[in-house]
């Protein structure tokens, strides 16, 4: 019965500390997954940028400290980082002028 099950859990938990939710969430994750789990939104945004692909996204993350830093890089820096074609695509996107309707 549900009551008997609850009593069994109470007996098992005697003299045991309550789990810490942050520690419980990390069980089963390797160290890299635990670190990256906290930065999913910036990684997702990076991976959607023109010129960023599955082959260079991790490399960019390891060589650039933030999206802000990436957005200020020159074309030469981006080309050196991710190659000629990808660097040009990313630079054109990051430095494009907004449409006049958005520039107000």
N, C-alpha and C. Protein backbone atom coordinates (compact mmCIF):
# COMPACT_ATOMS: atom_id res chain seq x y z
N UNK A 1 0.84 -1.18 0.00
CA UNK A 1 0.00 0.00 0.00
C UNK A 1 0.89 1.25 0.00
N UNK A 2 0.36 2.40 -0.41
CA UNK A 2 1.16 3.64 -0.42
C UNK A 2 1.68 4.01 0.97
N UNK A 3 0.86 3.76 1.99
CA UNK A 3 1.28 4.08 3.35
C UNK A 3 2.49 3.23 3.77
N UNK A 4 2.45 1.96 3.45
CA UNK A 4 3.56 1.06 3.78
C UNK A 4 4.83 1.47 3.02
N UNK A 5 4.68 1.87 1.78
CA UNK A 5 5.83 2.31 0.99
C UNK A 5 6.46 3.55 1.61
N UNK A 6 5.64 4.51 2.02
CA UNK A 6 6.15 5.72 2.66
C UNK A 6 6.90 5.39 3.94
N UNK A 7 6.38 4.45 4.71
CA UNK A 7 7.05 4.04 5.95
C UNK A 7 8.40 3.39 5.65
N UNK A 8 8.48 2.59 4.58
CA UNK A 8 9.74 1.96 4.20
C UNK A 8 10.79 3.02 3.84
N UNK A 9 10.38 4.03 3.08
CA UNK A 9 11.31 5.10 2.71
C UNK A 9 11.77 5.87 3.94
N UNK A 10 10.88 6.11 4.88
CA UNK A 10 11.25 6.79 6.12
C UNK A 10 12.31 5.98 6.87
N UNK A 11 12.15 4.68 6.91
CA UNK A 11 13.11 3.83 7.61
C UNK A 11 14.47 3.84 6.90
N UNK A 12 14.44 3.80 5.59
CA UNK A 12 15.68 3.80 4.81
C UNK A 12 16.44 5.12 4.99
N UNK A 13 15.71 6.23 5.06
CA UNK A 13 16.32 7.54 5.14
C UNK A 13 16.78 7.94 6.54
N UNK A 14 16.48 7.12 7.55
CA UNK A 14 16.91 7.46 8.91
C UNK A 14 18.42 7.62 8.94
N UNK A 15 18.86 8.69 9.64
CA UNK A 15 20.28 9.00 9.80
C UNK A 15 20.98 9.35 8.49
N UNK A 16 20.23 9.73 7.49
CA UNK A 16 20.79 10.15 6.21
C UNK A 16 20.47 11.63 6.00
N UNK A 17 21.42 12.38 5.43
CA UNK A 17 21.17 13.78 5.12
C UNK A 17 20.29 13.89 3.88
N UNK A 18 19.53 14.99 3.83
CA UNK A 18 18.72 15.25 2.64
C UNK A 18 19.66 15.59 1.48
N UNK A 19 19.36 15.14 0.29
CA UNK A 19 20.23 15.44 -0.85
C UNK A 19 20.17 16.93 -1.20
N UNK A 20 21.30 17.43 -1.71
CA UNK A 20 21.38 18.80 -2.21
C UNK A 20 21.00 18.75 -3.69
N UNK A 21 20.02 19.55 -4.08
CA UNK A 21 19.49 19.44 -5.44
C UNK A 21 20.56 19.66 -6.51
N UNK A 22 21.47 20.60 -6.29
CA UNK A 22 22.52 20.86 -7.27
C UNK A 22 23.44 19.67 -7.46
N UNK A 23 23.77 19.01 -6.36
CA UNK A 23 24.62 17.81 -6.44
C UNK A 23 23.87 16.66 -7.11
N UNK A 24 22.59 16.53 -6.80
CA UNK A 24 21.79 15.45 -7.38
C UNK A 24 21.67 15.62 -8.89
N UNK A 25 21.57 16.86 -9.36
CA UNK A 25 21.44 17.10 -10.80
C UNK A 25 22.69 16.69 -11.56
N UNK A 26 23.84 16.75 -10.90
CA UNK A 26 25.12 16.46 -11.56
C UNK A 26 25.46 14.97 -11.58
N UNK A 27 24.73 14.16 -10.84
CA UNK A 27 25.02 12.72 -10.79
C UNK A 27 24.87 12.14 -12.19
N UNK A 28 25.90 11.45 -12.63
CA UNK A 28 25.86 10.82 -13.94
C UNK A 28 26.40 11.68 -15.07
N UNK A 29 26.67 12.96 -14.79
CA UNK A 29 27.26 13.83 -15.81
C UNK A 29 28.77 13.80 -15.70
N UNK A 30 29.46 13.81 -16.83
CA UNK A 30 30.90 13.95 -16.74
C UNK A 30 31.22 15.42 -16.47
N UNK A 31 32.46 15.72 -16.15
CA UNK A 31 32.85 17.08 -15.74
C UNK A 31 32.56 18.11 -16.83
N UNK A 32 32.85 17.80 -18.08
CA UNK A 32 32.61 18.75 -19.18
C UNK A 32 31.13 19.01 -19.37
N UNK A 33 30.30 17.99 -19.24
CA UNK A 33 28.86 18.18 -19.39
C UNK A 33 28.31 19.04 -18.27
N UNK A 34 28.82 18.85 -17.07
CA UNK A 34 28.35 19.66 -15.94
C UNK A 34 28.70 21.12 -16.13
N UNK A 35 29.89 21.39 -16.65
CA UNK A 35 30.30 22.78 -16.89
C UNK A 35 29.47 23.39 -18.01
N UNK A 36 29.29 22.67 -19.09
CA UNK A 36 28.61 23.24 -20.24
C UNK A 36 27.11 23.36 -20.02
N UNK A 37 26.56 22.61 -19.08
CA UNK A 37 25.12 22.67 -18.83
C UNK A 37 24.68 24.04 -18.37
N UNK A 38 25.58 24.82 -17.81
CA UNK A 38 25.24 26.13 -17.31
C UNK A 38 25.34 27.21 -18.37
N UNK A 39 25.80 26.88 -19.57
CA UNK A 39 26.00 27.87 -20.62
C UNK A 39 25.32 27.46 -21.92
N UNK A 40 24.19 26.83 -21.81
CA UNK A 40 23.52 26.30 -22.98
C UNK A 40 22.99 27.40 -23.89
N UNK A 41 22.43 28.46 -23.34
CA UNK A 41 21.84 29.51 -24.18
C UNK A 41 22.89 30.19 -25.05
N UNK A 42 24.04 30.63 -24.50
CA UNK A 42 25.05 31.22 -25.38
C UNK A 42 25.58 30.24 -26.42
N UNK A 43 25.73 28.97 -26.03
CA UNK A 43 26.20 27.97 -27.00
C UNK A 43 25.19 27.80 -28.12
N UNK A 44 23.92 27.74 -27.77
CA UNK A 44 22.88 27.59 -28.78
C UNK A 44 22.86 28.78 -29.72
N UNK A 45 23.00 29.97 -29.18
CA UNK A 45 23.03 31.17 -30.00
C UNK A 45 24.24 31.15 -30.93
N UNK A 46 25.40 30.81 -30.40
CA UNK A 46 26.62 30.73 -31.22
C UNK A 46 26.43 29.76 -32.38
N UNK A 47 25.89 28.60 -32.11
CA UNK A 47 25.74 27.57 -33.14
C UNK A 47 24.78 27.98 -34.25
N UNK A 48 23.95 28.98 -34.01
CA UNK A 48 23.00 29.43 -35.02
C UNK A 48 23.53 30.56 -35.89
N UNK A 49 24.72 31.06 -35.58
CA UNK A 49 25.28 32.15 -36.35
C UNK A 49 25.81 31.65 -37.69
N UNK A 50 25.68 32.46 -38.74
CA UNK A 50 26.26 32.09 -40.05
C UNK A 50 27.77 31.90 -39.91
N UNK A 51 28.29 30.87 -40.52
CA UNK A 51 29.72 30.59 -40.47
C UNK A 51 30.11 29.67 -39.32
N UNK A 52 29.21 29.49 -38.37
CA UNK A 52 29.48 28.57 -37.26
C UNK A 52 28.79 27.25 -37.57
N UNK A 53 29.53 26.17 -37.43
CA UNK A 53 28.99 24.85 -37.76
C UNK A 53 29.45 23.84 -36.71
N UNK A 54 28.97 22.62 -36.79
CA UNK A 54 29.37 21.62 -35.79
C UNK A 54 30.88 21.38 -35.73
N UNK A 55 31.58 21.67 -36.82
CA UNK A 55 33.02 21.42 -36.87
C UNK A 55 33.84 22.53 -36.19
N UNK A 56 33.30 23.75 -36.10
CA UNK A 56 34.10 24.83 -35.53
C UNK A 56 33.51 25.46 -34.27
N UNK A 57 32.32 25.09 -33.87
CA UNK A 57 31.67 25.72 -32.71
C UNK A 57 32.48 25.52 -31.43
N UNK A 58 32.91 24.32 -31.16
CA UNK A 58 33.68 24.06 -29.94
C UNK A 58 35.02 24.77 -29.99
N UNK A 59 35.63 24.81 -31.15
CA UNK A 59 36.90 25.52 -31.31
C UNK A 59 36.72 27.01 -30.98
N UNK A 60 35.65 27.61 -31.48
CA UNK A 60 35.38 29.01 -31.20
C UNK A 60 35.17 29.21 -29.70
N UNK A 61 34.38 28.34 -29.06
CA UNK A 61 34.13 28.46 -27.62
C UNK A 61 35.42 28.37 -26.81
N UNK A 62 36.37 27.59 -27.30
CA UNK A 62 37.64 27.43 -26.57
C UNK A 62 38.60 28.59 -26.80
N UNK A 63 38.35 29.42 -27.82
CA UNK A 63 39.28 30.50 -28.16
C UNK A 63 38.71 31.91 -27.99
N UNK A 64 37.42 32.01 -27.70
CA UNK A 64 36.79 33.31 -27.51
C UNK A 64 36.07 33.28 -26.17
N UNK A 65 36.22 34.34 -25.38
CA UNK A 65 35.67 34.31 -24.03
C UNK A 65 34.19 34.61 -23.96
N UNK A 66 33.64 35.31 -24.97
CA UNK A 66 32.22 35.67 -24.91
C UNK A 66 31.70 36.00 -26.30
N UNK A 67 30.39 36.05 -26.41
CA UNK A 67 29.77 36.47 -27.66
C UNK A 67 30.10 37.94 -27.93
N UNK A 68 30.24 38.72 -26.88
CA UNK A 68 30.59 40.12 -27.03
C UNK A 68 31.97 40.25 -27.68
N UNK A 69 32.93 39.48 -27.20
CA UNK A 69 34.26 39.50 -27.80
C UNK A 69 34.19 39.07 -29.26
N UNK A 70 33.46 38.01 -29.54
CA UNK A 70 33.32 37.53 -30.91
C UNK A 70 32.74 38.62 -31.82
N UNK A 71 31.78 39.36 -31.31
CA UNK A 71 31.11 40.37 -32.14
C UNK A 71 32.00 41.56 -32.47
N UNK A 72 33.10 41.74 -31.74
CA UNK A 72 33.99 42.87 -32.01
C UNK A 72 35.22 42.47 -32.82
N UNK A 73 35.33 41.23 -33.19
CA UNK A 73 36.50 40.76 -33.93
C UNK A 73 36.46 41.26 -35.37
N UNK A 74 37.64 41.55 -35.89
CA UNK A 74 37.75 42.00 -37.28
C UNK A 74 37.59 40.81 -38.22
N UNK A 75 37.43 41.11 -39.50
CA UNK A 75 37.31 40.02 -40.47
C UNK A 75 38.58 39.18 -40.46
N UNK A 76 39.73 39.82 -40.39
CA UNK A 76 40.99 39.07 -40.38
C UNK A 76 41.06 38.13 -39.18
N UNK A 77 40.59 38.58 -38.02
CA UNK A 77 40.60 37.74 -36.83
C UNK A 77 39.64 36.56 -36.99
N UNK A 78 38.45 36.83 -37.55
CA UNK A 78 37.47 35.75 -37.73
C UNK A 78 37.96 34.74 -38.77
N UNK A 79 38.57 35.23 -39.84
CA UNK A 79 39.12 34.32 -40.87
C UNK A 79 40.22 33.45 -40.26
N UNK A 80 41.07 34.05 -39.42
CA UNK A 80 42.13 33.28 -38.77
C UNK A 80 41.54 32.25 -37.81
N UNK A 81 40.42 32.59 -37.21
CA UNK A 81 39.79 31.71 -36.23
C UNK A 81 39.06 30.53 -36.87
N UNK A 82 38.23 30.80 -37.90
CA UNK A 82 37.36 29.74 -38.44
C UNK A 82 37.47 29.54 -39.95
N UNK A 83 38.44 30.16 -40.58
CA UNK A 83 38.64 29.95 -42.00
C UNK A 83 38.04 31.06 -42.85
N UNK A 84 38.44 31.09 -44.10
CA UNK A 84 38.09 32.18 -45.01
C UNK A 84 36.59 32.33 -45.22
N UNK A 85 35.94 31.33 -45.73
CA UNK A 85 34.50 31.43 -46.05
C UNK A 85 33.65 31.63 -44.79
N UNK A 86 33.88 30.81 -43.77
CA UNK A 86 33.11 30.93 -42.53
C UNK A 86 33.35 32.27 -41.85
N UNK A 87 34.61 32.72 -41.84
CA UNK A 87 34.94 34.00 -41.23
C UNK A 87 34.25 35.16 -41.93
N UNK A 88 34.21 35.12 -43.27
CA UNK A 88 33.54 36.18 -44.03
C UNK A 88 32.03 36.17 -43.76
N UNK A 89 31.43 34.98 -43.71
CA UNK A 89 29.99 34.89 -43.43
C UNK A 89 29.66 35.46 -42.05
N UNK A 90 30.44 35.08 -41.06
CA UNK A 90 30.18 35.53 -39.70
C UNK A 90 30.39 37.04 -39.59
N UNK A 91 31.46 37.55 -40.19
CA UNK A 91 31.74 38.99 -40.13
C UNK A 91 30.62 39.77 -40.80
N UNK A 92 30.17 39.33 -41.96
CA UNK A 92 29.08 40.03 -42.67
C UNK A 92 27.82 40.07 -41.82
N UNK A 93 27.52 38.97 -41.13
CA UNK A 93 26.33 38.94 -40.28
C UNK A 93 26.49 39.85 -39.07
N UNK A 94 27.63 39.76 -38.39
CA UNK A 94 27.83 40.53 -37.16
C UNK A 94 27.92 42.04 -37.41
N UNK A 95 28.37 42.42 -38.59
CA UNK A 95 28.60 43.84 -38.87
C UNK A 95 27.62 44.41 -39.90
N UNK A 96 26.55 43.68 -40.15
CA UNK A 96 25.54 44.17 -41.10
C UNK A 96 24.78 45.35 -40.50
N UNK A 97 24.43 46.28 -41.32
CA UNK A 97 23.63 47.41 -40.88
C UNK A 97 22.18 46.96 -40.77
N UNK A 98 21.48 47.37 -39.73
CA UNK A 98 20.08 46.96 -39.58
C UNK A 98 19.23 47.62 -40.67
N UNK A 99 18.12 46.97 -41.04
CA UNK A 99 17.20 47.59 -41.99
C UNK A 99 16.75 48.96 -41.44
N UNK A 100 16.45 49.87 -42.33
CA UNK A 100 16.09 51.23 -41.90
C UNK A 100 14.89 51.24 -40.96
N UNK A 101 13.99 50.28 -41.09
CA UNK A 101 12.81 50.24 -40.21
C UNK A 101 13.20 49.90 -38.76
N UNK A 102 14.37 49.24 -38.56
CA UNK A 102 14.81 48.88 -37.22
C UNK A 102 15.81 49.89 -36.65
N UNK A 103 16.34 50.76 -37.49
CA UNK A 103 17.39 51.68 -37.08
C UNK A 103 16.87 52.91 -36.35
N UNK A 104 15.58 53.07 -36.18
CA UNK A 104 15.02 54.26 -35.55
C UNK A 104 15.28 54.34 -34.09
